[in-house]
Amino acid sequence: MATATHATEAGSSNWINRISFSCIRLMHDNFLIRRFRNPHKILQSMGVKARDRVLEIGCGPGFFTIPTAQIVGPQGEIAAIDVNPFAINYTQRKVDRHGITNARVLHANAADTDLPAHSFDFAFFIGVPHITGGLGPVADELRRVLKPGGRIAFHYGRRSPESLVAQMREQHFALVETRGRVGVFAPIAAPVSA
């Protein structure tokens, strides 16, 4: 009976992942969105540049993955992660179709990426409305994987900028600058406990 229950739960989870990804793909991977949101311009305005090593959190259908790989060029790299296996499969096929060689698409949780420490110049969240488990574990992981001087760009989405800045401050990240609806943050030293 336990095996049947486990199989039912896995099937249900698979169905939920498929529906979730289909909705995200409908919103973020269609020709109309590119008429209103140019991913190259958005990425460049956030500070992504040639030779950067970039971590994309919540890549979804890869709307920003290919443009990031193009901006950072052959001497840069992007690691695009997502927890939804349908997003990973779709984005990997897109990367392959475009002949992109400087992108890795990984099925990973942002709070536990298993990526090497101090390996990224830049990380970004765009179109990630909710972080399962809260911002704390993700902030800890970002602090671990960012190089000294690394930055994080976080789209405010429906949050108020003040709310996100306060949340990031609690996680020991300071606002460096605001670029439209995106806040760029840098890690600051956590207070030492006595």
N, C-alpha and C. Protein backbone atom coordinates (compact mmCIF):
# COMPACT_ATOMS: atom_id res chain seq x y z
N MET A 1 0.82 -1.20 0.00
CA MET A 1 0.00 0.00 0.00
C MET A 1 0.86 1.26 0.00
N ALA A 2 1.98 1.23 0.74
CA ALA A 2 2.87 2.39 0.79
C ALA A 2 3.41 2.71 -0.61
N THR A 3 3.72 1.68 -1.40
CA THR A 3 4.23 1.89 -2.74
C THR A 3 3.18 2.57 -3.62
N ALA A 4 1.93 2.15 -3.53
CA ALA A 4 0.86 2.76 -4.31
C ALA A 4 0.65 4.21 -3.90
N THR A 5 0.72 4.48 -2.60
CA THR A 5 0.57 5.86 -2.11
C THR A 5 1.71 6.73 -2.62
N HIS A 6 2.95 6.19 -2.54
CA HIS A 6 4.11 6.95 -3.01
C HIS A 6 3.99 7.23 -4.51
N ALA A 7 3.57 6.25 -5.29
CA ALA A 7 3.41 6.43 -6.73
C ALA A 7 2.34 7.47 -7.03
N THR A 8 1.25 7.46 -6.26
CA THR A 8 0.18 8.45 -6.45
C THR A 8 0.69 9.85 -6.13
N GLU A 9 1.44 9.98 -5.03
CA GLU A 9 2.00 11.29 -4.67
C GLU A 9 2.98 11.78 -5.73
N ALA A 10 3.83 10.89 -6.24
CA ALA A 10 4.78 11.27 -7.29
C ALA A 10 4.04 11.69 -8.56
N GLY A 11 3.00 10.95 -8.92
CA GLY A 11 2.21 11.30 -10.11
C GLY A 11 1.53 12.64 -9.94
N SER A 12 1.01 12.89 -8.74
CA SER A 12 0.35 14.16 -8.44
C SER A 12 1.36 15.31 -8.52
N SER A 13 2.54 15.10 -7.96
CA SER A 13 3.59 16.12 -7.99
C SER A 13 4.01 16.39 -9.43
N ASN A 14 4.14 15.33 -10.23
CA ASN A 14 4.51 15.46 -11.62
C ASN A 14 3.47 16.29 -12.38
N TRP A 15 2.21 16.02 -12.14
CA TRP A 15 1.11 16.75 -12.77
C TRP A 15 1.14 18.23 -12.37
N ILE A 16 1.36 18.49 -11.09
CA ILE A 16 1.44 19.88 -10.60
C ILE A 16 2.61 20.60 -11.25
N ASN A 17 3.78 19.95 -11.31
CA ASN A 17 4.95 20.55 -11.96
C ASN A 17 4.66 20.87 -13.42
N ARG A 18 3.97 19.95 -14.11
CA ARG A 18 3.67 20.16 -15.52
C ARG A 18 2.74 21.36 -15.71
N ILE A 19 1.68 21.44 -14.90
CA ILE A 19 0.74 22.56 -15.01
C ILE A 19 1.42 23.88 -14.65
N SER A 20 2.19 23.86 -13.58
CA SER A 20 2.91 25.06 -13.14
C SER A 20 3.83 25.56 -14.25
N PHE A 21 4.61 24.64 -14.83
CA PHE A 21 5.52 25.06 -15.89
C PHE A 21 4.77 25.54 -17.11
N SER A 22 3.67 24.90 -17.47
CA SER A 22 2.89 25.33 -18.64
C SER A 22 2.39 26.76 -18.47
N CYS A 23 1.96 27.11 -17.26
CA CYS A 23 1.50 28.48 -17.00
C CYS A 23 2.65 29.48 -17.11
N ILE A 24 3.79 29.11 -16.53
CA ILE A 24 4.97 29.99 -16.59
C ILE A 24 5.42 30.16 -18.04
N ARG A 25 5.44 29.07 -18.77
CA ARG A 25 5.87 29.13 -20.17
C ARG A 25 4.93 30.01 -20.99
N LEU A 26 3.64 29.89 -20.76
CA LEU A 26 2.66 30.70 -21.47
C LEU A 26 2.91 32.19 -21.23
N MET A 27 3.24 32.54 -19.99
CA MET A 27 3.46 33.95 -19.65
C MET A 27 4.83 34.47 -20.10
N HIS A 28 5.86 33.61 -20.06
CA HIS A 28 7.22 34.11 -20.24
C HIS A 28 7.93 33.63 -21.49
N ASP A 29 7.31 32.81 -22.30
CA ASP A 29 8.00 32.29 -23.46
C ASP A 29 7.10 32.39 -24.69
N ASN A 30 6.72 33.61 -24.99
CA ASN A 30 5.91 33.82 -26.19
C ASN A 30 6.41 35.07 -26.90
N PHE A 31 6.09 35.19 -28.16
CA PHE A 31 6.62 36.30 -28.95
C PHE A 31 6.12 37.66 -28.46
N LEU A 32 4.95 37.72 -27.83
CA LEU A 32 4.42 39.00 -27.37
C LEU A 32 5.25 39.60 -26.23
N ILE A 33 5.69 38.76 -25.31
CA ILE A 33 6.44 39.27 -24.16
C ILE A 33 7.72 39.97 -24.62
N ARG A 34 8.36 39.45 -25.66
CA ARG A 34 9.61 40.05 -26.15
C ARG A 34 9.37 41.42 -26.78
N ARG A 35 8.15 41.69 -27.17
CA ARG A 35 7.84 43.03 -27.71
C ARG A 35 7.83 44.08 -26.61
N PHE A 36 7.54 43.64 -25.38
CA PHE A 36 7.44 44.58 -24.26
C PHE A 36 8.61 44.48 -23.29
N ARG A 37 9.27 43.34 -23.25
CA ARG A 37 10.39 43.14 -22.33
C ARG A 37 11.56 42.56 -23.10
N ASN A 38 12.57 43.37 -23.33
CA ASN A 38 13.76 42.91 -24.02
C ASN A 38 14.72 42.33 -22.99
N PRO A 39 14.94 41.00 -22.99
CA PRO A 39 15.77 40.40 -21.95
C PRO A 39 17.22 40.90 -21.97
N HIS A 40 17.76 41.18 -23.16
CA HIS A 40 19.13 41.69 -23.24
C HIS A 40 19.24 43.04 -22.52
N LYS A 41 18.30 43.93 -22.78
CA LYS A 41 18.34 45.25 -22.14
C LYS A 41 18.16 45.14 -20.63
N ILE A 42 17.25 44.28 -20.20
CA ILE A 42 17.02 44.10 -18.76
C ILE A 42 18.29 43.60 -18.09
N LEU A 43 18.91 42.58 -18.66
CA LEU A 43 20.13 42.01 -18.08
C LEU A 43 21.27 43.01 -18.05
N GLN A 44 21.44 43.74 -19.14
CA GLN A 44 22.51 44.74 -19.17
C GLN A 44 22.25 45.86 -18.18
N SER A 45 20.98 46.25 -18.01
CA SER A 45 20.67 47.30 -17.05
C SER A 45 20.92 46.83 -15.61
N MET A 46 20.83 45.50 -15.38
CA MET A 46 21.11 44.97 -14.04
C MET A 46 22.60 44.90 -13.77
N GLY A 47 23.40 44.94 -14.82
CA GLY A 47 24.84 44.89 -14.62
C GLY A 47 25.51 43.62 -15.11
N VAL A 48 24.80 42.74 -15.81
CA VAL A 48 25.43 41.54 -16.38
C VAL A 48 26.32 42.01 -17.53
N LYS A 49 27.56 41.49 -17.53
CA LYS A 49 28.50 41.93 -18.55
C LYS A 49 29.38 40.77 -19.04
N ALA A 50 30.11 41.03 -20.10
CA ALA A 50 30.98 40.01 -20.69
C ALA A 50 31.91 39.44 -19.64
N ARG A 51 32.15 38.15 -19.74
CA ARG A 51 33.07 37.36 -18.90
C ARG A 51 32.54 37.06 -17.50
N ASP A 52 31.35 37.54 -17.17
CA ASP A 52 30.77 37.24 -15.85
C ASP A 52 30.43 35.76 -15.75
N ARG A 53 30.50 35.27 -14.53
CA ARG A 53 29.94 33.95 -14.19
C ARG A 53 28.65 34.26 -13.45
N VAL A 54 27.52 33.82 -14.00
CA VAL A 54 26.20 34.23 -13.54
C VAL A 54 25.39 33.02 -13.09
N LEU A 55 24.67 33.21 -11.99
CA LEU A 55 23.73 32.20 -11.49
C LEU A 55 22.32 32.75 -11.68
N GLU A 56 21.52 32.04 -12.46
CA GLU A 56 20.11 32.41 -12.66
C GLU A 56 19.27 31.51 -11.77
N ILE A 57 18.51 32.10 -10.88
CA ILE A 57 17.69 31.34 -9.95
C ILE A 57 16.24 31.34 -10.45
N GLY A 58 15.71 30.15 -10.68
CA GLY A 58 14.35 30.02 -11.20
C GLY A 58 14.32 30.34 -12.68
N CYS A 59 15.02 29.55 -13.50
CA CYS A 59 15.15 29.87 -14.92
C CYS A 59 13.85 29.70 -15.69
N GLY A 60 12.90 28.91 -15.17
CA GLY A 60 11.64 28.71 -15.89
C GLY A 60 11.89 28.25 -17.31
N PRO A 61 11.27 28.87 -18.31
CA PRO A 61 11.44 28.44 -19.70
C PRO A 61 12.67 29.03 -20.38
N GLY A 62 13.58 29.62 -19.62
CA GLY A 62 14.83 30.11 -20.20
C GLY A 62 14.75 31.45 -20.89
N PHE A 63 13.76 32.27 -20.53
CA PHE A 63 13.60 33.58 -21.15
C PHE A 63 14.87 34.42 -21.02
N PHE A 64 15.56 34.32 -19.86
CA PHE A 64 16.79 35.08 -19.64
C PHE A 64 18.05 34.24 -19.84
N THR A 65 17.92 32.93 -19.94
CA THR A 65 19.09 32.06 -19.99
C THR A 65 19.92 32.27 -21.25
N ILE A 66 19.29 32.21 -22.40
CA ILE A 66 20.01 32.38 -23.66
C ILE A 66 20.60 33.79 -23.76
N PRO A 67 19.82 34.85 -23.49
CA PRO A 67 20.41 36.19 -23.54
C PRO A 67 21.58 36.37 -22.57
N THR A 68 21.50 35.77 -21.38
CA THR A 68 22.62 35.88 -20.44
C THR A 68 23.86 35.22 -21.03
N ALA A 69 23.70 34.03 -21.59
CA ALA A 69 24.84 33.33 -22.20
C ALA A 69 25.45 34.17 -23.32
N GLN A 70 24.60 34.85 -24.08
CA GLN A 70 25.10 35.68 -25.18
C GLN A 70 25.85 36.90 -24.65
N ILE A 71 25.34 37.52 -23.58
CA ILE A 71 25.99 38.71 -23.01
C ILE A 71 27.34 38.35 -22.39
N VAL A 72 27.40 37.28 -21.60
CA VAL A 72 28.66 36.95 -20.92
C VAL A 72 29.70 36.40 -21.89
N GLY A 73 29.25 35.88 -23.01
CA GLY A 73 30.15 35.42 -24.05
C GLY A 73 30.89 34.14 -23.70
N PRO A 74 31.77 33.71 -24.60
CA PRO A 74 32.44 32.42 -24.43
C PRO A 74 33.38 32.37 -23.23
N GLN A 75 33.81 33.51 -22.73
CA GLN A 75 34.68 33.50 -21.56
C GLN A 75 33.90 33.65 -20.26
N GLY A 76 32.60 33.78 -20.37
CA GLY A 76 31.72 33.80 -19.20
C GLY A 76 30.92 32.51 -19.14
N GLU A 77 30.03 32.45 -18.16
CA GLU A 77 29.23 31.24 -18.00
C GLU A 77 27.95 31.58 -17.25
N ILE A 78 26.89 30.85 -17.55
CA ILE A 78 25.66 30.94 -16.78
C ILE A 78 25.30 29.54 -16.28
N ALA A 79 24.93 29.49 -15.01
CA ALA A 79 24.33 28.28 -14.43
C ALA A 79 22.88 28.65 -14.17
N ALA A 80 21.96 28.02 -14.87
CA ALA A 80 20.52 28.29 -14.73
C ALA A 80 19.92 27.16 -13.92
N ILE A 81 19.31 27.49 -12.77
CA ILE A 81 18.74 26.44 -11.93
C ILE A 81 17.24 26.63 -11.77
N ASP A 82 16.57 25.51 -11.52
CA ASP A 82 15.14 25.53 -11.24
C ASP A 82 14.81 24.23 -10.51
N VAL A 83 13.74 24.26 -9.72
CA VAL A 83 13.30 23.04 -9.03
C VAL A 83 12.29 22.24 -9.85
N ASN A 84 11.78 22.84 -10.91
CA ASN A 84 10.78 22.16 -11.73
C ASN A 84 11.48 21.40 -12.86
N PRO A 85 11.35 20.07 -12.88
CA PRO A 85 12.04 19.29 -13.92
C PRO A 85 11.58 19.61 -15.34
N PHE A 86 10.34 20.06 -15.52
CA PHE A 86 9.86 20.43 -16.84
C PHE A 86 10.58 21.68 -17.33
N ALA A 87 10.84 22.62 -16.43
CA ALA A 87 11.60 23.83 -16.78
C ALA A 87 13.01 23.46 -17.20
N ILE A 88 13.63 22.57 -16.45
CA ILE A 88 15.00 22.16 -16.75
C ILE A 88 15.07 21.49 -18.13
N ASN A 89 14.19 20.55 -18.38
CA ASN A 89 14.21 19.86 -19.67
C ASN A 89 13.97 20.81 -20.83
N TYR A 90 13.00 21.70 -20.68
CA TYR A 90 12.66 22.65 -21.73
C TYR A 90 13.83 23.60 -22.00
N THR A 91 14.39 24.16 -20.92
CA THR A 91 15.49 25.12 -21.08
C THR A 91 16.73 24.44 -21.65
N GLN A 92 17.00 23.23 -21.25
CA GLN A 92 18.16 22.51 -21.81
C GLN A 92 17.98 22.29 -23.31
N ARG A 93 16.78 21.93 -23.73
CA ARG A 93 16.53 21.77 -25.17
C ARG A 93 16.72 23.10 -25.90
N LYS A 94 16.29 24.19 -25.29
CA LYS A 94 16.45 25.52 -25.89
C LYS A 94 17.94 25.87 -26.02
N VAL A 95 18.70 25.61 -24.97
CA VAL A 95 20.15 25.86 -24.99
C VAL A 95 20.80 25.05 -26.12
N ASP A 96 20.45 23.78 -26.21
CA ASP A 96 21.01 22.91 -27.25
C ASP A 96 20.63 23.41 -28.65
N ARG A 97 19.37 23.79 -28.81
CA ARG A 97 18.87 24.26 -30.11
C ARG A 97 19.62 25.52 -30.58
N HIS A 98 20.00 26.38 -29.63
CA HIS A 98 20.72 27.61 -29.96
C HIS A 98 22.23 27.39 -30.06
N GLY A 99 22.71 26.19 -29.78
CA GLY A 99 24.14 25.91 -29.85
C GLY A 99 24.94 26.63 -28.77
N ILE A 100 24.31 26.90 -27.64
CA ILE A 100 24.97 27.61 -26.54
C ILE A 100 25.87 26.62 -25.79
N THR A 101 27.14 27.00 -25.62
CA THR A 101 28.09 26.10 -24.94
C THR A 101 28.54 26.62 -23.58
N ASN A 102 28.14 27.82 -23.22
CA ASN A 102 28.58 28.38 -21.94
C ASN A 102 27.44 28.45 -20.91
N ALA A 103 26.46 27.55 -21.06
CA ALA A 103 25.33 27.50 -20.13
C ALA A 103 25.20 26.09 -19.57
N ARG A 104 24.97 26.03 -18.25
CA ARG A 104 24.64 24.76 -17.59
C ARG A 104 23.23 24.92 -17.04
N VAL A 105 22.37 23.97 -17.30
CA VAL A 105 21.00 24.00 -16.81
C VAL A 105 20.89 22.88 -15.78
N LEU A 106 20.58 23.27 -14.54
CA LEU A 106 20.66 22.32 -13.43
C LEU A 106 19.37 22.25 -12.64
N HIS A 107 18.98 21.03 -12.32
CA HIS A 107 17.84 20.81 -11.43
C HIS A 107 18.37 20.96 -10.01
N ALA A 108 18.07 22.10 -9.38
CA ALA A 108 18.63 22.38 -8.06
C ALA A 108 17.72 23.32 -7.30
N ASN A 109 17.80 23.20 -5.99
CA ASN A 109 17.09 24.10 -5.08
C ASN A 109 18.02 25.27 -4.78
N ALA A 110 17.51 26.49 -4.84
CA ALA A 110 18.33 27.67 -4.62
C ALA A 110 18.93 27.72 -3.22
N ALA A 111 18.34 26.99 -2.28
CA ALA A 111 18.87 26.98 -0.92
C ALA A 111 19.99 25.95 -0.72
N ASP A 112 20.17 25.09 -1.72
CA ASP A 112 21.19 24.03 -1.61
C ASP A 112 21.59 23.63 -3.02
N THR A 113 22.40 24.46 -3.67
CA THR A 113 22.71 24.28 -5.09
C THR A 113 23.76 23.22 -5.37
N ASP A 114 24.60 22.94 -4.40
CA ASP A 114 25.73 22.02 -4.57
C ASP A 114 26.74 22.57 -5.58
N LEU A 115 26.72 23.89 -5.80
CA LEU A 115 27.69 24.54 -6.68
C LEU A 115 28.92 24.94 -5.86
N PRO A 116 30.06 25.10 -6.51
CA PRO A 116 31.28 25.45 -5.76
C PRO A 116 31.17 26.82 -5.08
N ALA A 117 31.81 26.93 -3.94
CA ALA A 117 31.83 28.20 -3.19
C ALA A 117 32.61 29.26 -3.98
N HIS A 118 32.19 30.50 -3.81
CA HIS A 118 32.87 31.67 -4.39
C HIS A 118 33.11 31.52 -5.89
N SER A 119 32.06 31.11 -6.61
CA SER A 119 32.24 30.83 -8.04
C SER A 119 31.45 31.75 -8.97
N PHE A 120 30.62 32.66 -8.43
CA PHE A 120 29.79 33.50 -9.30
C PHE A 120 30.00 34.99 -9.01
N ASP A 121 30.03 35.76 -10.10
CA ASP A 121 30.14 37.22 -10.00
C ASP A 121 28.78 37.85 -9.74
N PHE A 122 27.74 37.18 -10.21
CA PHE A 122 26.42 37.79 -10.24
C PHE A 122 25.35 36.71 -10.15
N ALA A 123 24.28 36.99 -9.44
CA ALA A 123 23.12 36.09 -9.38
C ALA A 123 21.88 36.95 -9.58
N PHE A 124 20.83 36.35 -10.14
CA PHE A 124 19.60 37.12 -10.29
C PHE A 124 18.35 36.27 -10.14
N PHE A 125 17.30 36.94 -9.62
CA PHE A 125 15.94 36.40 -9.50
C PHE A 125 15.05 37.32 -10.31
N ILE A 126 14.43 36.82 -11.33
CA ILE A 126 13.44 37.62 -12.06
C ILE A 126 12.25 36.70 -12.31
N GLY A 127 11.06 37.16 -11.95
CA GLY A 127 9.86 36.36 -12.18
C GLY A 127 9.73 35.21 -11.19
N VAL A 128 10.38 35.30 -10.04
CA VAL A 128 10.24 34.29 -8.99
C VAL A 128 9.36 34.92 -7.92
N PRO A 129 8.04 34.65 -7.95
CA PRO A 129 7.13 35.34 -7.05
C PRO A 129 7.22 34.90 -5.60
N HIS A 130 7.67 33.66 -5.38
CA HIS A 130 7.65 33.12 -4.02
C HIS A 130 8.84 32.19 -3.85
N ILE A 131 9.53 32.31 -2.74
CA ILE A 131 10.66 31.43 -2.45
C ILE A 131 10.22 30.44 -1.40
N THR A 132 10.10 29.18 -1.80
CA THR A 132 9.69 28.14 -0.87
C THR A 132 10.74 28.01 0.23
N GLY A 133 10.29 28.00 1.46
CA GLY A 133 11.22 27.90 2.59
C GLY A 133 11.75 29.24 3.06
N GLY A 134 11.37 30.31 2.36
CA GLY A 134 11.78 31.65 2.78
C GLY A 134 13.12 32.07 2.21
N LEU A 135 13.42 33.33 2.38
CA LEU A 135 14.62 33.93 1.82
C LEU A 135 15.89 33.53 2.57
N GLY A 136 15.79 33.24 3.87
CA GLY A 136 16.97 32.97 4.69
C GLY A 136 17.91 31.92 4.15
N PRO A 137 17.42 30.68 3.91
CA PRO A 137 18.33 29.65 3.39
C PRO A 137 18.91 29.98 2.02
N VAL A 138 18.12 30.64 1.17
CA VAL A 138 18.61 31.03 -0.15
C VAL A 138 19.69 32.10 -0.01
N ALA A 139 19.49 33.06 0.87
CA ALA A 139 20.49 34.11 1.10
C ALA A 139 21.80 33.50 1.60
N ASP A 140 21.70 32.54 2.49
CA ASP A 140 22.91 31.86 2.98
C ASP A 140 23.66 31.19 1.84
N GLU A 141 22.92 30.51 0.96
CA GLU A 141 23.56 29.82 -0.16
C GLU A 141 24.16 30.82 -1.14
N LEU A 142 23.48 31.93 -1.38
CA LEU A 142 24.03 32.94 -2.28
C LEU A 142 25.31 33.55 -1.73
N ARG A 143 25.33 33.80 -0.44
CA ARG A 143 26.54 34.33 0.19
C ARG A 143 27.69 33.33 -0.01
N ARG A 144 27.38 32.04 0.03
CA ARG A 144 28.40 31.01 -0.12
C ARG A 144 28.93 30.94 -1.56
N VAL A 145 28.04 31.03 -2.56
CA VAL A 145 28.47 30.81 -3.95
C VAL A 145 28.98 32.08 -4.64
N LEU A 146 28.67 33.26 -4.08
CA LEU A 146 29.15 34.50 -4.70
C LEU A 146 30.62 34.72 -4.40
N LYS A 147 31.33 35.23 -5.41
CA LYS A 147 32.71 35.64 -5.21
C LYS A 147 32.73 36.89 -4.33
N PRO A 148 33.84 37.19 -3.68
CA PRO A 148 33.94 38.48 -2.98
C PRO A 148 33.66 39.61 -3.98
N GLY A 149 32.81 40.53 -3.58
CA GLY A 149 32.40 41.61 -4.48
C GLY A 149 31.24 41.24 -5.38
N GLY A 150 30.71 40.02 -5.25
CA GLY A 150 29.59 39.59 -6.08
C GLY A 150 28.31 40.34 -5.75
N ARG A 151 27.38 40.32 -6.68
CA ARG A 151 26.12 41.05 -6.53
C ARG A 151 24.93 40.14 -6.84
N ILE A 152 23.76 40.54 -6.31
CA ILE A 152 22.50 39.85 -6.59
C ILE A 152 21.51 40.89 -7.09
N ALA A 153 20.82 40.57 -8.18
CA ALA A 153 19.73 41.42 -8.66
C ALA A 153 18.43 40.67 -8.38
N PHE A 154 17.50 41.38 -7.80
CA PHE A 154 16.24 40.78 -7.38
C PHE A 154 15.11 41.66 -7.87
N HIS A 155 14.24 41.12 -8.73
CA HIS A 155 13.10 41.88 -9.22
C HIS A 155 12.08 42.01 -8.10
N TYR A 156 11.60 43.22 -7.89
CA TYR A 156 10.66 43.45 -6.79
C TYR A 156 9.33 42.73 -6.99
N GLY A 157 8.94 42.53 -8.24
CA GLY A 157 7.66 41.88 -8.49
C GLY A 157 6.53 42.65 -7.83
N ARG A 158 5.67 41.94 -7.10
CA ARG A 158 4.55 42.60 -6.42
C ARG A 158 4.93 43.10 -5.04
N ARG A 159 6.13 42.79 -4.58
CA ARG A 159 6.57 43.29 -3.27
C ARG A 159 6.86 44.78 -3.36
N SER A 160 6.74 45.43 -2.25
CA SER A 160 7.18 46.82 -2.23
C SER A 160 8.70 46.82 -2.15
N PRO A 161 9.36 47.77 -2.80
CA PRO A 161 10.82 47.84 -2.71
C PRO A 161 11.29 47.92 -1.25
N GLU A 162 10.57 48.66 -0.43
CA GLU A 162 10.96 48.81 0.98
C GLU A 162 10.93 47.47 1.70
N SER A 163 9.91 46.66 1.40
CA SER A 163 9.78 45.35 2.03
C SER A 163 10.94 44.43 1.64
N LEU A 164 11.29 44.41 0.36
CA LEU A 164 12.39 43.56 -0.09
C LEU A 164 13.72 44.04 0.50
N VAL A 165 13.93 45.35 0.52
CA VAL A 165 15.18 45.89 1.09
C VAL A 165 15.29 45.49 2.56
N ALA A 166 14.19 45.57 3.29
CA ALA A 166 14.20 45.19 4.71
C ALA A 166 14.49 43.69 4.86
N GLN A 167 13.85 42.86 4.02
CA GLN A 167 14.10 41.41 4.08
C GLN A 167 15.56 41.09 3.76
N MET A 168 16.09 41.74 2.75
CA MET A 168 17.49 41.49 2.38
C MET A 168 18.44 41.99 3.46
N ARG A 169 18.10 43.10 4.09
CA ARG A 169 18.94 43.61 5.19
C ARG A 169 18.98 42.59 6.33
N GLU A 170 17.83 41.98 6.63
CA GLU A 170 17.78 40.94 7.67
C GLU A 170 18.69 39.77 7.32
N GLN A 171 18.89 39.54 6.02
CA GLN A 171 19.75 38.43 5.56
C GLN A 171 21.18 38.89 5.28
N HIS A 172 21.51 40.11 5.72
CA HIS A 172 22.86 40.67 5.61
C HIS A 172 23.28 40.95 4.16
N PHE A 173 22.34 41.57 3.42
CA PHE A 173 22.62 42.08 2.09
C PHE A 173 22.20 43.54 2.07
N ALA A 174 23.05 44.38 1.52
CA ALA A 174 22.75 45.82 1.43
C ALA A 174 22.35 46.18 0.01
N LEU A 175 21.39 47.10 -0.10
CA LEU A 175 20.99 47.62 -1.41
C LEU A 175 22.12 48.47 -1.95
N VAL A 176 22.60 48.14 -3.14
CA VAL A 176 23.66 48.90 -3.80
C VAL A 176 23.04 49.95 -4.69
N GLU A 177 22.02 49.54 -5.43
CA GLU A 177 21.31 50.47 -6.30
C GLU A 177 19.98 49.88 -6.74
N THR A 178 19.10 50.76 -7.20
CA THR A 178 17.82 50.34 -7.75
C THR A 178 17.84 50.70 -9.22
N ARG A 179 17.44 49.74 -10.05
CA ARG A 179 17.38 49.96 -11.49
C ARG A 179 15.98 49.57 -11.94
N GLY A 180 15.09 50.53 -12.00
CA GLY A 180 13.70 50.25 -12.34
C GLY A 180 13.06 49.44 -11.22
N ARG A 181 12.52 48.27 -11.56
CA ARG A 181 11.89 47.39 -10.56
C ARG A 181 12.86 46.34 -10.03
N VAL A 182 14.16 46.57 -10.22
CA VAL A 182 15.18 45.63 -9.78
C VAL A 182 16.07 46.28 -8.74
N GLY A 183 16.28 45.58 -7.64
CA GLY A 183 17.24 46.01 -6.63
C GLY A 183 18.49 45.18 -6.77
N VAL A 184 19.64 45.84 -6.73
CA VAL A 184 20.93 45.15 -6.79
C VAL A 184 21.52 45.20 -5.39
N PHE A 185 21.86 44.02 -4.86
CA PHE A 185 22.31 43.88 -3.48
C PHE A 185 23.70 43.27 -3.42
N ALA A 186 24.42 43.59 -2.34
CA ALA A 186 25.73 43.00 -2.07
C ALA A 186 25.74 42.45 -0.66
N PRO A 187 26.43 41.33 -0.44
CA PRO A 187 26.54 40.79 0.91
C PRO A 187 27.30 41.74 1.84
N ILE A 188 26.86 41.80 3.07
CA ILE A 188 27.59 42.55 4.09
C ILE A 188 27.91 41.57 5.21
N ALA A 189 28.88 41.91 6.01
CA ALA A 189 29.27 41.02 7.11
C ALA A 189 28.15 40.86 8.11
N ALA A 190 27.90 39.62 8.48
CA ALA A 190 26.89 39.33 9.51
C ALA A 190 27.48 39.71 10.87
N PRO A 191 26.62 40.19 11.79
CA PRO A 191 27.15 40.53 13.11
C PRO A 191 27.69 39.27 13.81
N VAL A 192 28.77 39.45 14.52
CA VAL A 192 29.39 38.34 15.23
C VAL A 192 28.65 38.12 16.55
N SER A 193 28.23 36.86 16.81
CA SER A 193 27.53 36.58 18.07
C SER A 193 28.56 36.42 19.18
N ALA A 194 28.16 36.88 20.35
CA ALA A 194 29.06 36.80 21.51
C ALA A 194 28.97 35.44 22.15
